PDB file of N, CA and C in Angstrom:
ATOM      1  N   MET A   1     192.899 224.400 -84.627  1.00  0.00           N
ATOM      2  CA  MET A   1     191.662 224.155 -85.191  1.00  0.00           C
ATOM      3  C   MET A   1     190.724 223.977 -84.251  1.00  0.00           C
ATOM      4  N   LYS A   2     189.604 224.156 -84.399  1.00  0.00           N
ATOM      5  CA  LYS A   2     188.490 224.016 -83.531  1.00  0.00           C
ATOM      6  C   LYS A   2     187.990 222.658 -83.856  1.00  0.00           C
ATOM      7  N   GLN A   3     187.280 221.803 -82.892  1.00  0.00           N
ATOM      8  CA  GLN A   3     186.715 220.855 -83.123  1.00  0.00           C
ATOM      9  C   GLN A   3     185.108 221.000 -82.793  1.00  0.00           C
ATOM     10  N   GLY A   4     183.992 220.156 -83.628  1.00  0.00           N
ATOM     11  CA  GLY A   4     183.056 220.642 -83.541  1.00  0.00           C
ATOM     12  C   GLY A   4     182.258 219.803 -82.060  1.00  0.00           C
ATOM     13  N   LYS A   5     181.236 220.201 -81.380  1.00  0.00           N
ATOM     14  CA  LYS A   5     180.563 219.775 -80.418  1.00  0.00           C
ATOM     15  C   LYS A   5     180.172 218.024 -80.589  1.00  0.00           C
ATOM     16  N   GLU A   6     180.688 217.359 -79.643  1.00  0.00           N
ATOM     17  CA  GLU A   6     180.328 216.010 -79.567  1.00  0.00           C
ATOM     18  C   GLU A   6     179.168 215.737 -78.582  1.00  0.00           C
ATOM     19  N   ASP A   7     178.419 214.659 -79.263  1.00  0.00           N
ATOM     20  CA  ASP A   7     177.028 214.278 -78.197  1.00  0.00           C
ATOM     21  C   ASP A   7     177.416 212.980 -78.441  1.00  0.00           C
ATOM     22  N   PHE A   8     177.812 212.436 -76.989  1.00  0.00           N
ATOM     23  CA  PHE A   8     178.085 211.204 -76.531  1.00  0.00           C
ATOM     24  C   PHE A   8     177.453 210.758 -75.789  1.00  0.00           C
ATOM     25  N   LYS A   9     176.996 209.605 -75.846  1.00  0.00           N
ATOM     26  CA  LYS A   9     175.868 208.677 -74.859  1.00  0.00           C
ATOM     27  C   LYS A   9     176.112 207.645 -74.901  1.00  0.00           C
ATOM     28  N   LEU A  10     175.617 206.999 -73.703  1.00  0.00           N
ATOM     29  CA  LEU A  10     176.297 205.484 -73.265  1.00  0.00           C
ATOM     30  C   LEU A  10     175.267 204.596 -73.569  1.00  0.00           C
ATOM     31  N   VAL A  11     174.256 204.825 -74.032  1.00  0.00           N
ATOM     32  CA  VAL A  11     173.194 203.556 -74.216  1.00  0.00           C
ATOM     33  C   VAL A  11     172.632 204.314 -75.694  1.00  0.00           C
ATOM     34  N   LYS A  12     172.578 203.625 -76.742  1.00  0.00           N
ATOM     35  CA  LYS A  12     171.938 203.831 -77.868  1.00  0.00           C
ATOM     36  C   LYS A  12     170.462 203.557 -78.157  1.00  0.00           C
ATOM     37  N   ASP A  13     169.210 204.305 -78.212  1.00  0.00           N
ATOM     38  CA  ASP A  13     168.016 203.921 -78.168  1.00  0.00           C
ATOM     39  C   ASP A  13     167.607 203.367 -79.594  1.00  0.00           C
ATOM     40  N   SER A  14     166.550 203.112 -79.418  1.00  0.00           N
ATOM     41  CA  SER A  14     166.533 202.617 -81.222  1.00  0.00           C
ATOM     42  C   SER A  14     165.960 203.436 -82.259  1.00  0.00           C
ATOM     43  N   ASP A  15     165.184 204.585 -81.144  1.00  0.00           N
ATOM     44  CA  ASP A  15     164.442 205.785 -82.091  1.00  0.00           C
ATOM     45  C   ASP A  15     165.400 206.615 -82.836  1.00  0.00           C
ATOM     46  N   ASN A  16     166.657 206.657 -82.475  1.00  0.00           N
ATOM     47  CA  ASN A  16     167.649 207.627 -83.004  1.00  0.00           C
ATOM     48  C   ASN A  16     168.785 207.029 -83.541  1.00  0.00           C
ATOM     49  N   GLU A  17     168.778 206.302 -85.012  1.00  0.00           N
ATOM     50  CA  GLU A  17     169.564 205.517 -85.779  1.00  0.00           C
ATOM     51  C   GLU A  17     170.651 206.382 -86.094  1.00  0.00           C
ATOM     52  N   SER A  18     170.695 207.692 -86.561  1.00  0.00           N
ATOM     53  CA  SER A  18     171.254 208.186 -87.122  1.00  0.00           C
ATOM     54  C   SER A  18     172.537 208.571 -86.460  1.00  0.00           C
ATOM     55  N   LYS A  19     173.016 208.753 -85.362  1.00  0.00           N
ATOM     56  CA  LYS A  19     174.110 209.033 -84.723  1.00  0.00           C
ATOM     57  C   LYS A  19     175.062 207.684 -84.012  1.00  0.00           C
ATOM     58  N   ARG A  20     176.406 207.778 -84.264  1.00  0.00           N
ATOM     59  CA  ARG A  20     177.267 206.748 -83.809  1.00  0.00           C
ATOM     60  C   ARG A  20     177.983 206.920 -82.404  1.00  0.00           C
ATOM     61  N   ASN A  21     177.792 208.154 -81.816  1.00  0.00           N
ATOM     62  CA  ASN A  21     178.563 207.861 -80.817  1.00  0.00           C
ATOM     63  C   ASN A  21     178.067 207.446 -79.278  1.00  0.00           C
ATOM     64  N   TYR A  22     177.974 206.196 -79.656  1.00  0.00           N
ATOM     65  CA  TYR A  22     177.259 205.466 -78.304  1.00  0.00           C
ATOM     66  C   TYR A  22     178.490 204.345 -77.821  1.00  0.00           C
ATOM     67  N   ILE A  23     178.501 203.863 -76.713  1.00  0.00           N
ATOM     68  CA  ILE A  23     179.430 202.681 -76.200  1.00  0.00           C
ATOM     69  C   ILE A  23     178.390 201.416 -76.550  1.00  0.00           C
ATOM     70  N   PHE A  24     177.453 201.446 -75.750  1.00  0.00           N
ATOM     71  CA  PHE A  24     176.352 200.339 -75.667  1.00  0.00           C
ATOM     72  C   PHE A  24     175.135 200.619 -76.804  1.00  0.00           C
ATOM     73  N   GLN A  25     174.517 199.138 -77.265  1.00  0.00           N
ATOM     74  CA  GLN A  25     173.244 199.504 -77.710  1.00  0.00           C
ATOM     75  C   GLN A  25     172.261 198.747 -77.045  1.00  0.00           C
ATOM     76  N   ASN A  26     171.187 199.011 -77.180  1.00  0.00           N
ATOM     77  CA  ASN A  26     170.178 198.522 -76.100  1.00  0.00           C
ATOM     78  C   ASN A  26     169.647 197.525 -77.348  1.00  0.00           C
ATOM     79  N   ASN A  27     170.425 196.223 -76.912  1.00  0.00           N
ATOM     80  CA  ASN A  27     170.031 194.967 -78.040  1.00  0.00           C
ATOM     81  C   ASN A  27     170.455 193.833 -76.804  1.00  0.00           C
ATOM     82  N   THR A  28     169.906 192.586 -76.933  1.00  0.00           N
ATOM     83  CA  THR A  28     169.776 191.380 -76.345  1.00  0.00           C
ATOM     84  C   THR A  28     171.495 191.032 -76.170  1.00  0.00           C
ATOM     85  N   LYS A  29     172.455 191.212 -77.652  1.00  0.00           N
ATOM     86  CA  LYS A  29     173.662 190.850 -77.530  1.00  0.00           C
ATOM     87  C   LYS A  29     174.449 191.413 -76.629  1.00  0.00           C
ATOM     88  N   THR A  30     174.185 192.960 -76.598  1.00  0.00           N
ATOM     89  CA  THR A  30     175.197 193.790 -75.657  1.00  0.00           C
ATOM     90  C   THR A  30     174.642 193.089 -74.187  1.00  0.00           C
ATOM     91  N   LYS A  31     173.210 193.008 -73.818  1.00  0.00           N
ATOM     92  CA  LYS A  31     172.970 192.608 -72.458  1.00  0.00           C
ATOM     93  C   LYS A  31     173.319 191.425 -72.308  1.00  0.00           C
ATOM     94  N   ALA A  32     173.452 190.273 -72.801  1.00  0.00           N
ATOM     95  CA  ALA A  32     173.898 189.029 -72.962  1.00  0.00           C
ATOM     96  C   ALA A  32     175.927 189.090 -72.758  1.00  0.00           C
ATOM     97  N   ALA A  33     176.215 189.749 -73.141  1.00  0.00           N
ATOM     98  CA  ALA A  33     177.762 190.353 -73.063  1.00  0.00           C
ATOM     99  C   ALA A  33     178.200 190.722 -71.799  1.00  0.00           C
ATOM    100  N   PHE A  34     177.224 191.673 -71.414  1.00  0.00           N
ATOM    101  CA  PHE A  34     177.397 192.194 -70.004  1.00  0.00           C
ATOM    102  C   PHE A  34     177.330 191.542 -69.001  1.00  0.00           C
ATOM    103  N   TYR A  35     176.043 190.732 -68.671  1.00  0.00           N
ATOM    104  CA  TYR A  35     175.867 189.570 -67.779  1.00  0.00           C
ATOM    105  C   TYR A  35     177.324 188.697 -67.891  1.00  0.00           C
ATOM    106  N   PHE A  36     177.728 188.421 -69.291  1.00  0.00           N
ATOM    107  CA  PHE A  36     178.736 187.162 -69.250  1.00  0.00           C
ATOM    108  C   PHE A  36     180.137 187.812 -68.552  1.00  0.00           C
ATOM    109  N   VAL A  37     180.296 189.288 -68.853  1.00  0.00           N
ATOM    110  CA  VAL A  37     181.204 189.507 -68.254  1.00  0.00           C
ATOM    111  C   VAL A  37     181.309 189.655 -66.630  1.00  0.00           C
ATOM    112  N   ALA A  38     180.059 190.221 -66.655  1.00  0.00           N
ATOM    113  CA  ALA A  38     179.855 190.526 -65.069  1.00  0.00           C
ATOM    114  C   ALA A  38     180.305 189.334 -63.948  1.00  0.00           C
ATOM    115  N   PHE A  39     179.640 188.275 -64.660  1.00  0.00           N
ATOM    116  CA  PHE A  39     179.654 186.587 -63.727  1.00  0.00           C
ATOM    117  C   PHE A  39     181.069 186.587 -63.844  1.00  0.00           C
ATOM    118  N   VAL A  40     181.765 186.419 -64.895  1.00  0.00           N
ATOM    119  CA  VAL A  40     183.459 186.000 -65.045  1.00  0.00           C
ATOM    120  C   VAL A  40     184.238 187.058 -63.777  1.00  0.00           C
ATOM    121  N   LEU A  41     183.921 188.458 -63.787  1.00  0.00           N
ATOM    122  CA  LEU A  41     184.407 189.301 -62.809  1.00  0.00           C
ATOM    123  C   LEU A  41     183.943 188.901 -61.458  1.00  0.00           C
ATOM    124  N   VAL A  42     182.890 188.501 -61.091  1.00  0.00           N
ATOM    125  CA  VAL A  42     182.689 187.516 -59.857  1.00  0.00           C
ATOM    126  C   VAL A  42     183.157 186.707 -59.534  1.00  0.00           C
ATOM    127  N   ILE A  43     183.537 185.347 -60.568  1.00  0.00           N
ATOM    128  CA  ILE A  43     184.254 184.577 -60.132  1.00  0.00           C
ATOM    129  C   ILE A  43     185.282 184.674 -59.973  1.00  0.00           C
ATOM    130  N   LEU A  44     186.054 185.598 -60.202  1.00  0.00           N
ATOM    131  CA  LEU A  44     187.296 186.153 -60.599  1.00  0.00           C
ATOM    132  C   LEU A  44     187.626 186.645 -58.842  1.00  0.00           C
ATOM    133  N   ILE A  45     186.743 187.302 -58.748  1.00  0.00           N
ATOM    134  CA  ILE A  45     186.759 188.086 -57.072  1.00  0.00           C
ATOM    135  C   ILE A  45     186.740 187.148 -56.022  1.00  0.00           C
ATOM    136  N   VAL A  46     185.803 186.353 -56.343  1.00  0.00           N
ATOM    137  CA  VAL A  46     185.519 185.101 -55.311  1.00  0.00           C
ATOM    138  C   VAL A  46     186.710 184.009 -55.229  1.00  0.00           C
ATOM    139  N   ALA A  47     187.245 183.883 -56.150  1.00  0.00           N
ATOM    140  CA  ALA A  47     188.796 183.106 -56.562  1.00  0.00           C
ATOM    141  C   ALA A  47     189.835 183.805 -55.897  1.00  0.00           C
ATOM    142  N   VAL A  48     190.150 185.128 -55.908  1.00  0.00           N
ATOM    143  CA  VAL A  48     190.935 185.890 -55.100  1.00  0.00           C
ATOM    144  C   VAL A  48     190.888 185.687 -53.643  1.00  0.00           C
ATOM    145  N   THR A  49     189.454 186.182 -53.543  1.00  0.00           N
ATOM    146  CA  THR A  49     189.442 186.303 -51.991  1.00  0.00           C
ATOM    147  C   THR A  49     189.536 184.927 -50.943  1.00  0.00           C
ATOM    148  N   ALA A  50     189.034 183.892 -51.936  1.00  0.00           N
ATOM    149  CA  ALA A  50     189.144 182.116 -51.396  1.00  0.00           C
ATOM    150  C   ALA A  50     190.404 181.883 -51.015  1.00  0.00           C
ATOM    151  N   THR A  51     191.503 182.282 -52.083  1.00  0.00           N
ATOM    152  CA  THR A  51     192.946 182.102 -52.097  1.00  0.00           C
ATOM    153  C   THR A  51     193.435 182.933 -50.819  1.00  0.00           C
ATOM    154  N   ALA A  52     193.003 183.909 -50.596  1.00  0.00           N
ATOM    155  CA  ALA A  52     193.626 185.237 -49.505  1.00  0.00           C
ATOM    156  C   ALA A  52     193.521 184.172 -48.211  1.00  0.00           C
ATOM    157  N   TYR A  53     192.395 183.702 -48.235  1.00  0.00           N
ATOM    158  CA  TYR A  53     192.047 182.794 -46.862  1.00  0.00           C
ATOM    159  C   TYR A  53     192.868 181.617 -46.754  1.00  0.00           C
ATOM    160  N   VAL A  54     192.885 180.783 -47.993  1.00  0.00           N
ATOM    161  CA  VAL A  54     193.565 179.631 -47.569  1.00  0.00           C
ATOM    162  C   VAL A  54     194.864 179.825 -47.517  1.00  0.00           C
ATOM    163  N   LEU A  55     195.551 180.640 -48.491  1.00  0.00           N
ATOM    164  CA  LEU A  55     197.146 180.757 -47.902  1.00  0.00           C
ATOM    165  C   LEU A  55     197.509 181.683 -46.971  1.00  0.00           C
TER     166      LEU A  55
END
């Protein structure tokens, strides 16, 4: 069976609402979640680095 061509994009713009193949949407909830996850990752990296020097 052949599968149709997939149109995969990373960020959904507000002018094209008909397609659903997006990872992120361009809105405040997505931006807030991205900054929260990035902040937690930075804290974890700093904690791992600090414990490597202390132990």
